[in-house]
C-alpha atoms as a PDB file:
ATOM      1  CA  MET A   1     -10.384   5.036  -5.081  1.00  0.00           C
ATOM      2  CA  ASP A   2     -12.473   2.798  -7.302  1.00  0.00           C
ATOM      3  CA  LYS A   3     -11.659   1.269 -10.684  1.00  0.00           C
ATOM      4  CA  LYS A   4     -12.998   4.294 -12.586  1.00  0.00           C
ATOM      5  CA  ALA A   5     -10.698   6.564 -10.593  1.00  0.00           C
ATOM      6  CA  ALA A   6      -7.747   4.240 -11.312  1.00  0.00           C
ATOM      7  CA  ILE A   7      -8.458   4.360 -15.031  1.00  0.00           C
ATOM      8  CA  LEU A   8      -8.714   8.142 -14.788  1.00  0.00           C
ATOM      9  CA  ALA A   9      -5.346   8.194 -12.991  1.00  0.00           C
ATOM     10  CA  LEU A  10      -3.840   6.070 -15.777  1.00  0.00           C
ATOM     11  CA  MET A  11      -5.293   8.325 -18.447  1.00  0.00           C
ATOM     12  CA  THR A  12      -3.824  11.320 -16.653  1.00  0.00           C
ATOM     13  CA  ALA A  13      -0.439   9.572 -16.459  1.00  0.00           C
ATOM     14  CA  TRP A  14      -0.679   8.859 -20.189  1.00  0.00           C
ATOM     15  CA  GLY A  15      -1.338  12.527 -20.873  1.00  0.00           C
ATOM     16  CA  VAL A  16      -4.942  12.079 -21.989  1.00  0.00           C
ATOM     17  CA  GLY A  17      -6.961  15.183 -21.187  1.00  0.00           C
ATOM     18  CA  THR A  18      -9.784  14.849 -18.716  1.00  0.00           C
ATOM     19  CA  CYS A  19     -11.895  17.702 -20.056  1.00  0.00           C
ATOM     20  CA  ALA A  20     -13.998  15.312 -22.156  1.00  0.00           C
ATOM     21  CA  LEU A  21     -14.735  13.004 -19.234  1.00  0.00           C
ATOM     22  CA  PRO A  22     -17.767  13.523 -17.005  1.00  0.00           C
ATOM     23  CA  ALA A  23     -17.160  14.491 -13.402  1.00  0.00           C
ATOM     24  CA  MET A  24     -17.416  11.623 -10.947  1.00  0.00           C
ATOM     25  CA  ALA A  25     -19.577  12.172  -7.900  1.00  0.00           C
ATOM     26  CA  GLN A  26     -19.082  10.317  -4.655  1.00  0.00           C
ATOM     27  CA  ASP A  27     -21.809   7.824  -3.802  1.00  0.00           C
ATOM     28  CA  ALA A  28     -23.833   9.596  -1.130  1.00  0.00           C
ATOM     29  CA  GLY A  29     -25.407   6.277  -0.163  1.00  0.00           C
ATOM     30  CA  ALA A  30     -22.106   4.583   0.738  1.00  0.00           C
ATOM     31  CA  PRO A  31     -22.322   2.758   4.055  1.00  0.00           C
ATOM     32  CA  ALA A  32     -20.588   4.338   7.036  1.00  0.00           C
ATOM     33  CA  THR A  33     -18.370   1.269   7.488  1.00  0.00           C
ATOM     34  CA  GLU A  34     -17.055   1.680   3.946  1.00  0.00           C
ATOM     35  CA  ALA A  35     -16.190   5.317   4.661  1.00  0.00           C
ATOM     36  CA  ALA A  36     -14.480   4.338   7.907  1.00  0.00           C
ATOM     37  CA  GLY A  37     -12.460   1.698   6.061  1.00  0.00           C
ATOM     38  CA  ALA A  38     -11.393   4.276   3.486  1.00  0.00           C
ATOM     39  CA  GLU A  39     -10.131   6.549   6.275  1.00  0.00           C
ATOM     40  CA  ALA A  40      -8.109   3.684   7.751  1.00  0.00           C
ATOM     41  CA  ASP A  41      -6.696   2.918   4.287  1.00  0.00           C
ATOM     42  CA  GLY A  42      -5.513   6.532   4.104  1.00  0.00           C
ATOM     43  CA  ASP A  43      -2.814   5.616   6.635  1.00  0.00           C
ATOM     44  CA  ASN A  44      -1.265   3.058   4.255  1.00  0.00           C
ATOM     45  CA  PRO A  45       1.124   4.795   1.804  1.00  0.00           C
ATOM     46  CA  LEU A  46       0.971   1.761  -0.524  1.00  0.00           C
ATOM     47  CA  LEU A  47      -2.664   2.342  -1.454  1.00  0.00           C
ATOM     48  CA  ASN A  48      -4.286   4.405  -4.181  1.00  0.00           C
ATOM     49  CA  ARG A  49      -1.029   5.832  -5.591  1.00  0.00           C
ATOM     50  CA  VAL A  50       0.584   5.423  -8.975  1.00  0.00           C
ATOM     51  CA  TRP A  51       3.975   3.763  -8.323  1.00  0.00           C
ATOM     52  CA  VAL A  52       6.407   3.946 -11.264  1.00  0.00           C
ATOM     53  CA  ARG A  53       9.307   1.509 -11.480  1.00  0.00           C
ATOM     54  CA  SER A  54      12.686   3.139 -10.893  1.00  0.00           C
ATOM     55  CA  GLY A  55      16.220   1.848 -11.364  1.00  0.00           C
ATOM     56  CA  ASP A  56      15.067  -0.612 -14.036  1.00  0.00           C
ATOM     57  CA  ASP A  57      17.840  -1.502 -16.491  1.00  0.00           C
ATOM     58  CA  SER A  58      15.539  -3.248 -18.976  1.00  0.00           C
ATOM     59  CA  GLY A  59      15.261  -0.164 -21.185  1.00  0.00           C
ATOM     60  CA  LEU A  60      11.456  -0.426 -21.060  1.00  0.00           C
ATOM     61  CA  PRO A  61      10.256   2.720 -19.251  1.00  0.00           C
ATOM     62  CA  GLY A  62       7.043   3.469 -17.479  1.00  0.00           C
ATOM     63  CA  ALA A  63       6.184   0.244 -15.644  1.00  0.00           C
ATOM     64  CA  MET A  64       3.672   1.192 -12.968  1.00  0.00           C
ATOM     65  CA  GLN A  65       1.540  -0.394 -10.244  1.00  0.00           C
ATOM     66  CA  ILE A  66      -1.536   0.981  -8.493  1.00  0.00           C
ATOM     67  CA  PHE A  67      -2.655  -0.962  -5.400  1.00  0.00           C
ATOM     68  CA  LEU A  68      -6.289   0.014  -4.891  1.00  0.00           C
ATOM     69  CA  ALA A  69      -7.924  -0.291  -1.481  1.00  0.00           C
ATOM     70  CA  ASP A  70     -10.680  -2.485  -2.965  1.00  0.00           C
ATOM     71  CA  GLY A  71      -8.164  -5.281  -3.727  1.00  0.00           C
ATOM     72  CA  THR A  72      -7.596  -4.423  -7.397  1.00  0.00           C
ATOM     73  CA  LEU A  73      -4.048  -4.093  -8.708  1.00  0.00           C
ATOM     74  CA  VAL A  74      -3.651  -2.002 -11.864  1.00  0.00           C
ATOM     75  CA  SER A  75      -0.409  -2.819 -13.704  1.00  0.00           C
ATOM     76  CA  ASP A  76       0.618  -0.825 -16.742  1.00  0.00           C
ATOM     77  CA  SER A  77       3.627   0.269 -18.751  1.00  0.00           C
ATOM     78  CA  CYS A  78       4.537   2.278 -21.819  1.00  0.00           C
ATOM     79  CA  TRP A  79       4.924  -0.868 -23.945  1.00  0.00           C
ATOM     80  CA  GLU A  80       2.121  -3.172 -22.769  1.00  0.00           C
ATOM     81  CA  THR A  81      -1.583  -2.806 -22.257  1.00  0.00           C
ATOM     82  CA  TYR A  82      -2.835  -2.461 -18.680  1.00  0.00           C
ATOM     83  CA  ARG A  83      -3.766  -5.446 -16.487  1.00  0.00           C
ATOM     84  CA  LEU A  84      -6.263  -5.649 -13.620  1.00  0.00           C
ATOM     85  CA  SER A  85      -5.499  -8.301 -10.993  1.00  0.00           C
ATOM     86  CA  LYS A  86      -6.643  -9.184  -7.495  1.00  0.00           C
ATOM     87  CA  TRP A  87      -4.134  -8.407  -4.741  1.00  0.00           C
ATOM     88  CA  GLN A  88      -4.059  -8.656  -0.962  1.00  0.00           C
ATOM     89  CA  GLN A  89      -1.898  -7.504   1.901  1.00  0.00           C
ATOM     90  CA  VAL A  90      -1.013 -10.768   3.625  1.00  0.00           C
ATOM     91  CA  SER A  91       0.754  -9.055   6.537  1.00  0.00           C
ATOM     92  CA  GLU A  92       2.264  -5.688   7.323  1.00  0.00           C
ATOM     93  CA  THR A  93       5.355  -6.666   5.307  1.00  0.00           C
ATOM     94  CA  GLU A  94       3.990  -9.026   2.646  1.00  0.00           C
ATOM     95  CA  ILE A  95       1.612  -8.719  -0.307  1.00  0.00           C
ATOM     96  CA  SER A  96       0.494 -11.094  -3.034  1.00  0.00           C
ATOM     97  CA  TRP A  97      -1.341 -10.856  -6.343  1.00  0.00           C
ATOM     98  CA  GLU A  98      -2.537 -13.039  -9.175  1.00  0.00           C
ATOM     99  CA  GLU A  99      -0.726 -12.856 -12.503  1.00  0.00           C
ATOM    100  CA  ASP A 100      -1.227 -15.222 -15.450  1.00  0.00           C
ATOM    101  CA  GLY A 101      -2.860 -17.839 -13.216  1.00  0.00           C
ATOM    102  CA  MET A 102      -0.049 -17.767 -10.645  1.00  0.00           C
ATOM    103  CA  THR A 103       0.234 -16.138  -7.242  1.00  0.00           C
ATOM    104  CA  ILE A 104       3.122 -13.696  -6.912  1.00  0.00           C
ATOM    105  CA  ASN A 105       4.290 -13.191  -3.318  1.00  0.00           C
ATOM    106  CA  ALA A 106       6.388 -10.167  -2.417  1.00  0.00           C
ATOM    107  CA  ASP A 107       8.011  -8.826   0.718  1.00  0.00           C
ATOM    108  CA  ILE A 108       7.739  -5.080   1.299  1.00  0.00           C
ATOM    109  CA  THR A 109      11.306  -4.159   2.263  1.00  0.00           C
ATOM    110  CA  ALA A 110      10.735  -0.388   2.205  1.00  0.00           C
ATOM    111  CA  LEU A 111       7.566   1.684   2.100  1.00  0.00           C
ATOM    112  CA  THR A 112       7.516   5.445   2.581  1.00  0.00           C
ATOM    113  CA  ALA A 113       5.697   8.298   0.879  1.00  0.00           C
ATOM    114  CA  ASP A 114       8.663   8.525  -1.538  1.00  0.00           C
ATOM    115  CA  GLU A 115       9.694   4.899  -2.100  1.00  0.00           C
ATOM    116  CA  LEU A 116       8.377   1.364  -2.454  1.00  0.00           C
ATOM    117  CA  VAL A 117      10.788  -1.573  -2.574  1.00  0.00           C
ATOM    118  CA  LEU A 118       9.429  -5.068  -3.188  1.00  0.00           C
ATOM    119  CA  ASN A 119      11.274  -8.390  -3.148  1.00  0.00           C
ATOM    120  CA  LEU A 120       9.289 -10.645  -5.470  1.00  0.00           C
ATOM    121  CA  LYS A 121       9.525 -14.359  -4.679  1.00  0.00           C
ATOM    122  CA  LEU A 122       9.665 -15.848  -8.162  1.00  0.00           C
ATOM    123  CA  VAL A 123      10.206 -19.434  -9.322  1.00  0.00           C
ATOM    124  CA  ASP A 124      13.796 -18.696 -10.332  1.00  0.00           C
ATOM    125  CA  GLY A 125      14.695 -16.611  -7.271  1.00  0.00           C
ATOM    126  CA  VAL A 126      14.052 -13.277  -5.589  1.00  0.00           C
ATOM    127  CA  GLU A 127      13.825 -10.111  -7.694  1.00  0.00           C
ATOM    128  CA  GLU A 128      14.028  -6.650  -6.145  1.00  0.00           C
ATOM    129  CA  GLN A 129      11.812  -3.996  -7.712  1.00  0.00           C
ATOM    130  CA  ARG A 130      12.004  -0.322  -6.744  1.00  0.00           C
ATOM    131  CA  PHE A 131       9.217   2.197  -7.292  1.00  0.00           C
ATOM    132  CA  ALA A 132       8.691   5.924  -6.782  1.00  0.00           C
ATOM    133  CA  PRO A 133       5.439   7.891  -6.853  1.00  0.00           C
ATOM    134  CA  ALA A 134       4.513   9.026 -10.357  1.00  0.00           C
ATOM    135  CA  GLU A 135       5.026  12.671 -11.103  1.00  0.00           C
ATOM    136  CA  THR A 136       2.378  14.474 -13.095  1.00  0.00           C
ATOM    137  CA  PRO A 137       2.217  15.187 -15.849  1.00  0.00           C
ATOM    138  CA  TYR A 138       3.793  11.961 -17.107  1.00  0.00           C
ATOM    139  CA  LEU A 139       4.037  10.993 -20.748  1.00  0.00           C
ATOM    140  CA  CYS A 140       5.574   7.752 -21.984  1.00  0.00           C
ATOM    141  CA  PRO A 141       8.568   8.379 -24.234  1.00  0.00           C
ATOM    142  CA  ASP A 142       8.491   7.288 -27.856  1.00  0.00           C
ATOM    143  CA  MET A 143       9.598   3.678 -28.066  1.00  0.00           C
ATOM    144  CA  PRO A 144      12.183   2.831 -30.747  1.00  0.00           C
ATOM    145  CA  LYS A 145      10.762   0.709 -33.545  1.00  0.00           C
END
């Protein structure tokens, strides 16, 4: 999934219709090694899915992460604008990404088709974040003003 597909996934999650968008064709000239890498990435349930934060007591719904196979992390929520960051899988159980000029390291404590649990190693301690795959359609609720 490329950046255009991630934006399309976000627009779908936001409830924006796709009928006005042009169809995206696959690049027929993509190298065979790129296609082989994409097949290998298909085995990693972390990649190319919209993960929505669950069990968050902050009262701010809709925080989501999309870890793209090309190393782009799309972060979004119902109350903030989206962010594109670089991320990497450091090991089978650890990932990291850049945010506001800092590197965020996180341990993957659970990863299945139905759940992602990250332990973020932050300056002031470890924070557990739980995610579930986004269900479609998804529409952010009205935020109180």
